[in-house]
Amino acid sequence: MKRKCTMLILLIVILLITTGCWNRRELNELAITMALGIDLTKDGKYVVTAQVVNPGEVAGKSSGATGSSPVIIFQETGKTIFEAIRKMTNSSPRSIYPSHLRMLVIGESLAKEGIGKPLDLLSRDWELRSDFFIVVAKGRNAEDILKIPTSLEKIPANKLFDALEVSEKAWAASSGYTLDELIKDMISDGKQPVLTGVRAELKGDKTSLAKQNVEMIDPHGRLYYQDLAVFDGEHLIGWLDEKQSRTYNAITNKVKSTVVNVKCPKGGNFVYQIIKSHAEVKGKIKNGEPKIDIKIRAEGNVGEIECNVELTKSESIAKLEKMIEKQSDAMFTKAVQQIQENKKVDIFGFGEVLHRADPKAWKTLKNDWDQKFEDLPVNIKVQAEIKRVGTVGNSFLEKIK
């Protein structure tokens, strides 16, 4: 009898843990959302724009495609973001499903008012992964960005995601920031967050943003990344220019590869193609005064040259390396000083470096760190190394001359 009771209990337990997906949802009941845009109206309400996949068009012609748009826009307004998303069911026949989100675009007006509330919803939503990129629509609303059809990639959200990955690997003036990275910087004592800006270039009237935009060799609507947005906590306070953005990425070790134009002494330029970069940031506090020392090591190749130099000689290579170091030192130093004077917030994480170097002294500094950051001495030293000069030695242009 005791054995039968034991077996019955085991069977009940097994049945309880093998009941299947009680809360399952079929794919044809979901609106797969690839991008979300969030804007703020003048009366303080949120406008949420969802870029949803049109599965019949993405699947291909063999699956019944009709030539319609591969994505559909749904948009609603609400006092809260959650309310606006739920109100989309008024027009969408399927539930908005953001688990495959690639891009979150924040309108510039909302970024200035504060991005804390939108991030709170996204950070606690169990349906969201945190690996999507967050960008700020520079000079526009987020909905303007999401409504532009793109070439090469059928789904505009994929275009934005892939373009940002390519840009940060090849140019170093932009970077992809995820939800976790952004929140970490927002709550840090010694670092303020930045986000990459996305811009829309429009030519002609808005009718050009219909289907024919992707059928033209020179589309009337283009999306491209430009500059970094600087935040003080949750509020957008300004933008970095291109040189300042590249300086930020170099100091924070976000440079994977880029190119640098270096002026030759007797006119012309040569291009230094960076293939590896690493910044070592050290800080110290002496008599209550902080100081930062930065050493940036770069390795690269000669990508293009107009200088009258003998590339087959080691002394010529050494001269080119010195030219790179001198110009880079000056550019980085100037960019950091401009950020200190104009933005007045520590986006580099110098405060975190000082905290690690001297936790006790940091407790005193952190209370008025923004003021200390403005006058913080920052010494930058670049060490450049040329690995290769290409498949030829001196330029054939010298022989032509």
Protein backbone atom coordinates (compact mmCIF):
# COMPACT_ATOMS: atom_id res chain seq x y z
CA MET A 1 0.00 0.00 0.00
CA LYS A 2 2.82 2.34 0.90
CA ARG A 3 4.56 1.58 -2.38
CA LYS A 4 1.37 2.36 -4.36
CA CYS A 5 1.00 5.73 -2.63
CA THR A 6 4.62 6.59 -3.41
CA MET A 7 4.15 5.71 -7.08
CA LEU A 8 0.96 7.79 -7.24
CA ILE A 9 2.74 10.86 -5.81
CA LEU A 10 5.60 10.45 -8.31
CA LEU A 11 3.14 10.25 -11.19
CA ILE A 12 1.38 13.42 -10.05
CA VAL A 13 4.71 15.28 -9.78
CA ILE A 14 5.75 14.12 -13.27
CA LEU A 15 2.44 15.24 -14.72
CA LEU A 16 2.80 18.67 -13.14
CA ILE A 17 6.25 19.30 -14.64
CA THR A 18 5.33 17.96 -18.10
CA THR A 19 2.19 19.97 -18.73
CA GLY A 20 3.67 21.70 -21.80
CA CYS A 21 3.58 25.41 -22.72
CA TRP A 22 0.52 26.62 -20.91
CA ASN A 23 1.08 30.21 -22.05
CA ARG A 24 2.23 29.52 -25.60
CA ARG A 25 1.49 31.91 -28.46
CA GLU A 26 1.43 30.91 -32.09
CA LEU A 27 3.61 32.78 -34.60
CA ASN A 28 0.60 33.84 -36.66
CA GLU A 29 -0.76 35.62 -33.56
CA LEU A 30 2.31 37.84 -33.11
CA ALA A 31 3.46 41.06 -34.77
CA ILE A 32 7.25 40.63 -34.81
CA THR A 33 8.59 44.07 -33.94
CA MET A 34 12.11 44.86 -35.19
CA ALA A 35 12.36 48.51 -34.16
CA LEU A 36 10.66 50.87 -31.73
CA GLY A 37 10.67 54.66 -31.85
CA ILE A 38 9.70 56.81 -28.87
CA ASP A 39 8.87 60.52 -29.11
CA LEU A 40 7.41 63.11 -26.77
CA THR A 41 4.54 65.43 -27.67
CA LYS A 42 4.28 69.04 -26.55
CA ASP A 43 1.69 68.10 -23.93
CA GLY A 44 3.93 65.45 -22.38
CA LYS A 45 2.49 62.30 -23.96
CA TYR A 46 4.50 59.50 -25.52
CA VAL A 47 4.28 58.61 -29.20
CA VAL A 48 5.41 55.02 -29.78
CA THR A 49 6.16 53.83 -33.32
CA ALA A 50 6.60 50.11 -34.01
CA GLN A 51 8.24 48.76 -37.15
CA VAL A 52 6.63 45.34 -37.66
CA VAL A 53 7.67 42.65 -40.12
CA ASN A 54 5.26 41.79 -42.93
CA PRO A 55 6.06 38.05 -43.02
CA GLY A 56 4.51 37.33 -46.41
CA GLU A 57 6.80 39.85 -48.12
CA VAL A 58 9.97 38.88 -46.29
CA ALA A 59 9.51 35.18 -47.07
CA GLY A 60 9.92 35.72 -50.83
CA LYS A 61 7.91 35.48 -54.02
CA SER A 62 7.55 31.72 -53.82
CA SER A 63 5.62 32.11 -50.58
CA GLY A 64 3.00 34.45 -51.94
CA ALA A 65 4.68 37.87 -51.81
CA THR A 66 2.67 40.64 -53.45
CA GLY A 67 5.33 43.33 -53.74
CA SER A 68 4.06 45.24 -50.72
CA SER A 69 6.33 46.78 -48.08
CA PRO A 70 8.35 44.24 -46.02
CA VAL A 71 7.49 46.18 -42.86
CA ILE A 72 4.40 47.93 -41.51
CA ILE A 73 4.28 50.90 -39.14
CA PHE A 74 1.93 50.97 -36.16
CA GLN A 75 1.76 54.08 -34.02
CA GLU A 76 -0.13 55.18 -30.92
CA THR A 77 -0.02 57.93 -28.28
CA GLY A 78 -0.43 57.47 -24.55
CA LYS A 79 0.32 58.97 -21.15
CA THR A 80 2.75 56.09 -20.64
CA ILE A 81 4.73 53.99 -23.10
CA PHE A 82 3.05 50.78 -21.96
CA GLU A 83 -0.36 52.32 -22.62
CA ALA A 84 0.66 53.40 -26.12
CA ILE A 85 1.95 49.91 -26.97
CA ARG A 86 -1.25 48.25 -25.76
CA LYS A 87 -3.36 50.75 -27.71
CA MET A 88 -1.73 49.50 -30.92
CA THR A 89 -4.07 46.53 -30.77
CA ASN A 90 -6.76 48.96 -31.97
CA SER A 91 -5.16 48.85 -35.42
CA SER A 92 -2.91 45.77 -35.35
CA PRO A 93 -4.55 42.36 -35.83
CA ARG A 94 -1.69 40.79 -33.89
CA SER A 95 -0.04 41.43 -30.53
CA ILE A 96 3.06 43.62 -30.62
CA TYR A 97 5.93 41.22 -29.87
CA PRO A 98 9.29 42.93 -29.20
CA SER A 99 11.50 39.91 -28.37
CA HIS A 100 13.34 40.25 -31.70
CA LEU A 101 13.93 44.00 -31.30
CA ARG A 102 17.07 45.21 -33.11
CA MET A 103 16.82 49.00 -32.71
CA LEU A 104 15.38 51.51 -30.25
CA VAL A 105 15.29 55.04 -31.66
CA ILE A 106 14.74 57.91 -29.23
CA GLY A 107 13.55 61.27 -30.54
CA GLU A 108 15.79 64.23 -29.72
CA SER A 109 13.03 66.11 -27.90
CA LEU A 110 12.40 63.13 -25.61
CA ALA A 111 16.15 62.70 -25.02
CA LYS A 112 16.36 66.30 -23.80
CA GLU A 113 13.45 65.78 -21.39
CA GLY A 114 14.90 62.52 -20.07
CA ILE A 115 15.11 58.87 -21.12
CA GLY A 116 14.73 57.35 -17.65
CA LYS A 117 11.04 56.42 -17.93
CA PRO A 118 11.33 54.65 -21.31
CA LEU A 119 14.34 52.69 -20.08
CA ASP A 120 12.51 51.66 -16.92
CA LEU A 121 9.81 49.94 -18.96
CA LEU A 122 12.29 48.26 -21.30
CA SER A 123 14.54 47.05 -18.48
CA ARG A 124 11.70 45.28 -16.65
CA ASP A 125 9.85 43.84 -19.68
CA TRP A 126 10.45 40.08 -19.64
CA GLU A 127 9.78 39.76 -23.36
CA LEU A 128 12.77 41.92 -24.29
CA ARG A 129 16.36 40.86 -24.72
CA SER A 130 18.94 43.53 -23.92
CA ASP A 131 21.13 43.10 -27.02
CA PHE A 132 19.39 45.69 -29.20
CA PHE A 133 21.08 49.00 -30.05
CA ILE A 134 19.82 52.35 -28.76
CA VAL A 135 20.33 55.52 -30.82
CA VAL A 136 19.10 59.13 -30.79
CA ALA A 137 17.38 60.70 -33.80
CA LYS A 138 19.46 63.84 -34.37
CA GLY A 139 17.31 66.84 -35.17
CA ARG A 140 14.21 64.71 -35.82
CA ASN A 141 11.54 62.57 -34.24
CA ALA A 142 12.12 58.84 -33.98
CA GLU A 143 9.10 58.14 -36.19
CA ASP A 144 10.79 59.96 -39.10
CA ILE A 145 13.69 57.52 -38.95
CA LEU A 146 11.54 54.38 -38.83
CA LYS A 147 9.37 55.42 -41.77
CA ILE A 148 12.20 55.57 -44.31
CA PRO A 149 12.44 52.45 -46.53
CA THR A 150 15.97 51.19 -47.22
CA SER A 151 17.88 49.47 -50.00
CA LEU A 152 20.11 46.36 -49.67
CA GLU A 153 18.25 45.32 -46.51
CA LYS A 154 14.52 44.71 -46.85
CA ILE A 155 13.88 45.47 -43.19
CA PRO A 156 15.02 49.01 -42.23
CA ALA A 157 15.70 47.93 -38.63
CA ASN A 158 18.21 45.36 -39.87
CA LYS A 159 19.82 48.04 -42.02
CA LEU A 160 20.22 50.32 -39.00
CA PHE A 161 21.61 47.50 -36.86
CA ASP A 162 24.08 46.21 -39.47
CA ALA A 163 25.18 49.70 -40.53
CA LEU A 164 26.01 50.61 -36.93
CA GLU A 165 28.05 47.43 -36.52
CA VAL A 166 29.96 48.15 -39.76
CA SER A 167 30.46 51.83 -38.88
CA GLU A 168 31.94 51.17 -35.45
CA LYS A 169 34.31 48.57 -36.93
CA ALA A 170 35.52 50.69 -39.86
CA TRP A 171 35.27 54.38 -38.92
CA ALA A 172 35.31 54.73 -35.11
CA ALA A 173 33.13 57.85 -34.90
CA SER A 174 30.08 55.83 -33.81
CA SER A 175 29.43 52.93 -31.43
CA GLY A 176 26.61 50.55 -30.67
CA TYR A 177 25.24 50.84 -27.14
CA THR A 178 22.93 48.27 -25.62
CA LEU A 179 20.39 48.71 -22.83
CA ASP A 180 22.63 47.24 -20.13
CA GLU A 181 25.59 49.44 -21.12
CA LEU A 182 23.46 52.57 -21.12
CA ILE A 183 21.89 51.93 -17.73
CA LYS A 184 25.31 51.08 -16.24
CA ASP A 185 26.71 54.44 -17.34
CA MET A 186 23.62 56.31 -16.14
CA ILE A 187 23.92 55.02 -12.57
CA SER A 188 27.72 55.26 -12.40
CA ASP A 189 29.30 57.85 -10.06
CA GLY A 190 32.23 58.56 -12.35
CA LYS A 191 30.92 58.29 -15.91
CA GLN A 192 28.13 59.82 -17.97
CA PRO A 193 26.48 58.01 -20.91
CA VAL A 194 26.68 58.69 -24.63
CA LEU A 195 24.63 57.36 -27.54
CA THR A 196 25.20 57.38 -31.28
CA GLY A 197 23.11 59.78 -33.34
CA VAL A 198 21.20 58.74 -36.46
CA ARG A 199 20.19 61.25 -39.13
CA ALA A 200 17.76 61.19 -42.01
CA GLU A 201 18.74 62.85 -45.26
CA LEU A 202 15.69 63.68 -47.35
CA LYS A 203 15.60 65.05 -50.90
CA GLY A 204 12.45 66.05 -52.70
CA ASP A 205 8.95 65.68 -51.31
CA LYS A 206 7.68 63.00 -48.96
CA THR A 207 6.14 61.00 -51.79
CA SER A 208 9.69 59.92 -52.62
CA LEU A 209 9.69 57.86 -49.42
CA ALA A 210 7.26 55.36 -50.87
CA LYS A 211 8.24 52.12 -52.57
CA GLN A 212 10.16 53.90 -55.32
CA ASN A 213 12.77 54.99 -52.73
CA VAL A 214 14.26 51.49 -52.78
CA GLU A 215 13.99 51.23 -56.55
CA MET A 216 16.15 54.31 -57.24
CA ILE A 217 19.92 54.24 -57.77
CA ASP A 218 20.14 57.43 -55.69
CA PRO A 219 17.35 57.15 -53.07
CA HIS A 220 15.64 60.35 -51.92
CA GLY A 221 15.71 59.17 -48.32
CA ARG A 222 18.86 57.92 -46.59
CA LEU A 223 19.74 57.00 -43.01
CA TYR A 224 23.25 57.49 -41.68
CA TYR A 225 25.04 57.73 -38.35
CA GLN A 226 26.62 60.95 -37.22
CA ASP A 227 28.23 62.08 -33.97
CA LEU A 228 27.66 61.03 -30.38
CA ALA A 229 24.95 62.39 -28.08
CA VAL A 230 26.17 63.45 -24.62
CA PHE A 231 23.96 62.89 -21.57
CA ASP A 232 24.03 64.26 -18.07
CA GLY A 233 22.28 61.44 -16.26
CA GLU A 234 19.12 60.83 -18.28
CA HIS A 235 19.10 64.18 -20.12
CA LEU A 236 20.63 64.96 -23.51
CA ILE A 237 22.81 68.07 -23.15
CA GLY A 238 24.61 68.25 -26.49
CA TRP A 239 26.48 66.56 -29.32
CA LEU A 240 30.10 65.76 -30.01
CA ASP A 241 31.52 66.54 -33.43
CA GLU A 242 33.34 63.93 -35.48
CA LYS A 243 36.82 64.48 -34.02
CA GLN A 244 35.47 64.55 -30.47
CA SER A 245 33.49 61.35 -31.13
CA ARG A 246 36.58 59.57 -32.45
CA THR A 247 38.57 60.80 -29.46
CA TYR A 248 35.95 59.43 -27.07
CA ASN A 249 36.00 56.02 -28.77
CA ALA A 250 39.81 55.93 -28.77
CA ILE A 251 40.09 56.70 -25.05
CA THR A 252 37.31 54.25 -24.08
CA ASN A 253 38.79 51.45 -26.23
CA LYS A 254 35.97 51.26 -28.73
CA VAL A 255 38.17 51.67 -31.82
CA LYS A 256 38.38 48.47 -33.84
CA SER A 257 39.69 49.99 -37.05
CA THR A 258 39.75 53.40 -38.67
CA VAL A 259 41.82 55.67 -40.91
CA VAL A 260 43.66 58.88 -40.06
CA ASN A 261 44.77 61.56 -42.52
CA VAL A 262 48.21 62.87 -41.57
CA LYS A 263 49.67 66.02 -43.13
CA CYS A 264 53.03 65.76 -44.83
CA PRO A 265 55.64 68.48 -44.03
CA LYS A 266 55.94 69.58 -47.66
CA GLY A 267 52.28 69.27 -48.61
CA GLY A 268 49.90 66.41 -49.29
CA ASN A 269 48.73 63.70 -46.90
CA PHE A 270 49.24 60.10 -46.09
CA VAL A 271 46.61 57.79 -44.69
CA TYR A 272 47.34 55.72 -41.60
CA GLN A 273 45.02 52.71 -41.45
CA ILE A 274 44.67 51.68 -37.81
CA ILE A 275 44.18 47.94 -37.33
CA LYS A 276 44.67 47.82 -33.57
CA SER A 277 44.30 50.41 -30.82
CA HIS A 278 44.48 50.22 -27.05
CA ALA A 279 44.25 53.03 -24.50
CA GLU A 280 45.66 52.68 -21.01
CA VAL A 281 44.11 55.21 -18.64
CA LYS A 282 45.70 55.78 -15.26
CA GLY A 283 44.69 58.21 -12.54
CA LYS A 284 46.11 59.48 -9.29
CA ILE A 285 45.09 61.90 -6.59
CA LYS A 286 47.85 63.88 -4.89
CA ASN A 287 47.06 66.36 -2.12
CA GLY A 288 43.41 66.21 -3.12
CA GLU A 289 44.15 67.09 -6.76
CA PRO A 290 43.32 64.48 -9.43
CA LYS A 291 45.32 63.83 -12.59
CA ILE A 292 44.83 61.53 -15.58
CA ASP A 293 47.52 60.00 -17.81
CA ILE A 294 46.51 58.28 -21.03
CA LYS A 295 48.78 56.19 -23.22
CA ILE A 296 47.32 55.10 -26.56
CA ARG A 297 49.14 52.41 -28.54
CA ALA A 298 48.17 52.09 -32.19
CA GLU A 299 49.24 49.66 -34.89
CA GLY A 300 48.45 50.19 -38.54
CA ASN A 301 49.44 50.28 -42.18
CA VAL A 302 50.14 52.92 -44.79
CA GLY A 303 46.93 53.01 -46.81
CA GLU A 304 47.70 55.91 -49.12
CA ILE A 305 50.62 58.33 -49.41
CA GLU A 306 51.35 61.63 -51.13
CA CYS A 307 54.49 62.48 -49.15
CA ASN A 308 57.89 62.50 -50.83
CA VAL A 309 59.46 59.80 -48.64
CA GLU A 310 61.47 56.62 -49.22
CA LEU A 311 59.23 53.90 -47.79
CA THR A 312 61.94 51.26 -48.18
CA LYS A 313 64.05 52.95 -45.48
CA SER A 314 63.41 52.37 -41.78
CA GLU A 315 64.22 55.99 -40.89
CA SER A 316 61.46 57.16 -43.23
CA ILE A 317 58.97 54.88 -41.47
CA ALA A 318 60.11 56.27 -38.12
CA LYS A 319 59.48 59.82 -39.36
CA LEU A 320 55.96 58.89 -40.46
CA GLU A 321 55.28 57.35 -37.06
CA LYS A 322 56.42 60.55 -35.32
CA MET A 323 54.12 62.58 -37.57
CA ILE A 324 51.18 60.34 -36.62
CA GLU A 325 51.97 60.66 -32.92
CA LYS A 326 52.37 64.44 -33.00
CA GLN A 327 49.11 65.05 -34.88
CA SER A 328 47.15 62.53 -32.78
CA ASP A 329 48.45 63.98 -29.51
CA ALA A 330 47.28 67.43 -30.55
CA MET A 331 43.86 66.26 -31.81
CA PHE A 332 43.05 64.14 -28.75
CA THR A 333 44.21 66.80 -26.30
CA LYS A 334 42.18 69.52 -28.01
CA ALA A 335 39.06 67.33 -28.19
CA VAL A 336 39.23 66.44 -24.48
CA GLN A 337 39.68 70.10 -23.52
CA GLN A 338 36.68 71.10 -25.66
CA ILE A 339 34.51 68.46 -23.98
CA GLN A 340 35.66 69.64 -20.55
CA GLU A 341 34.91 73.29 -21.36
CA ASN A 342 31.68 72.90 -23.34
CA LYS A 343 29.96 69.74 -22.08
CA LYS A 344 31.30 69.79 -18.48
CA VAL A 345 30.43 66.12 -17.83
CA ASP A 346 32.77 63.15 -17.56
CA ILE A 347 31.86 60.84 -20.44
CA PHE A 348 35.28 59.15 -20.46
CA GLY A 349 34.96 57.46 -17.09
CA PHE A 350 37.91 59.31 -15.53
CA GLY A 351 36.00 59.34 -12.27
CA GLU A 352 35.80 55.54 -12.28
CA VAL A 353 39.56 55.37 -12.89
CA LEU A 354 40.25 57.66 -9.94
CA HIS A 355 37.81 55.68 -7.78
CA ARG A 356 39.77 52.50 -8.46
CA ALA A 357 43.11 54.25 -7.88
CA ASP A 358 42.16 55.87 -4.56
CA PRO A 359 38.69 54.94 -3.20
CA LYS A 360 39.14 56.99 -0.03
CA ALA A 361 40.04 60.24 -1.81
CA TRP A 362 37.28 59.66 -4.38
CA LYS A 363 34.62 59.89 -1.68
CA THR A 364 35.53 63.55 -1.28
CA LEU A 365 35.88 64.28 -5.00
CA LYS A 366 32.67 62.67 -6.24
CA ASN A 367 30.34 65.20 -4.60
CA ASP A 368 31.41 67.96 -7.01
CA TRP A 369 33.04 65.83 -9.70
CA ASP A 370 31.56 67.77 -12.65
CA GLN A 371 33.32 70.93 -11.45
CA LYS A 372 36.56 69.05 -10.83
CA PHE A 373 36.31 67.44 -14.27
CA GLU A 374 36.33 70.84 -16.00
CA ASP A 375 39.83 71.60 -14.65
CA LEU A 376 41.15 68.03 -14.59
CA PRO A 377 44.71 67.78 -16.04
CA VAL A 378 44.72 65.13 -18.77
CA ASN A 379 48.03 64.10 -20.30
CA ILE A 380 47.73 62.12 -23.56
CA LYS A 381 50.59 60.29 -25.25
CA VAL A 382 50.18 58.36 -28.51
CA GLN A 383 52.57 55.62 -29.60
CA ALA A 384 52.08 54.67 -33.26
CA GLU A 385 53.63 51.77 -35.14
CA ILE A 386 53.53 51.15 -38.88
CA LYS A 387 53.39 47.43 -39.61
CA ARG A 388 53.08 47.37 -43.40
CA VAL A 389 53.30 49.79 -46.32
CA GLY A 390 51.28 47.74 -48.83
CA THR A 391 52.25 45.53 -51.75
CA VAL A 392 54.46 48.25 -53.30
CA GLY A 393 57.19 50.46 -51.90
CA ASN A 394 57.29 54.06 -53.03
CA SER A 395 54.27 55.45 -54.86
CA PHE A 396 54.31 55.21 -58.66
CA LEU A 397 53.22 58.88 -58.64
CA GLU A 398 56.83 59.82 -57.86
CA LYS A 399 57.97 58.23 -61.14
CA ILE A 400 55.26 60.10 -63.06
CA LYS A 401 56.47 63.40 -61.57
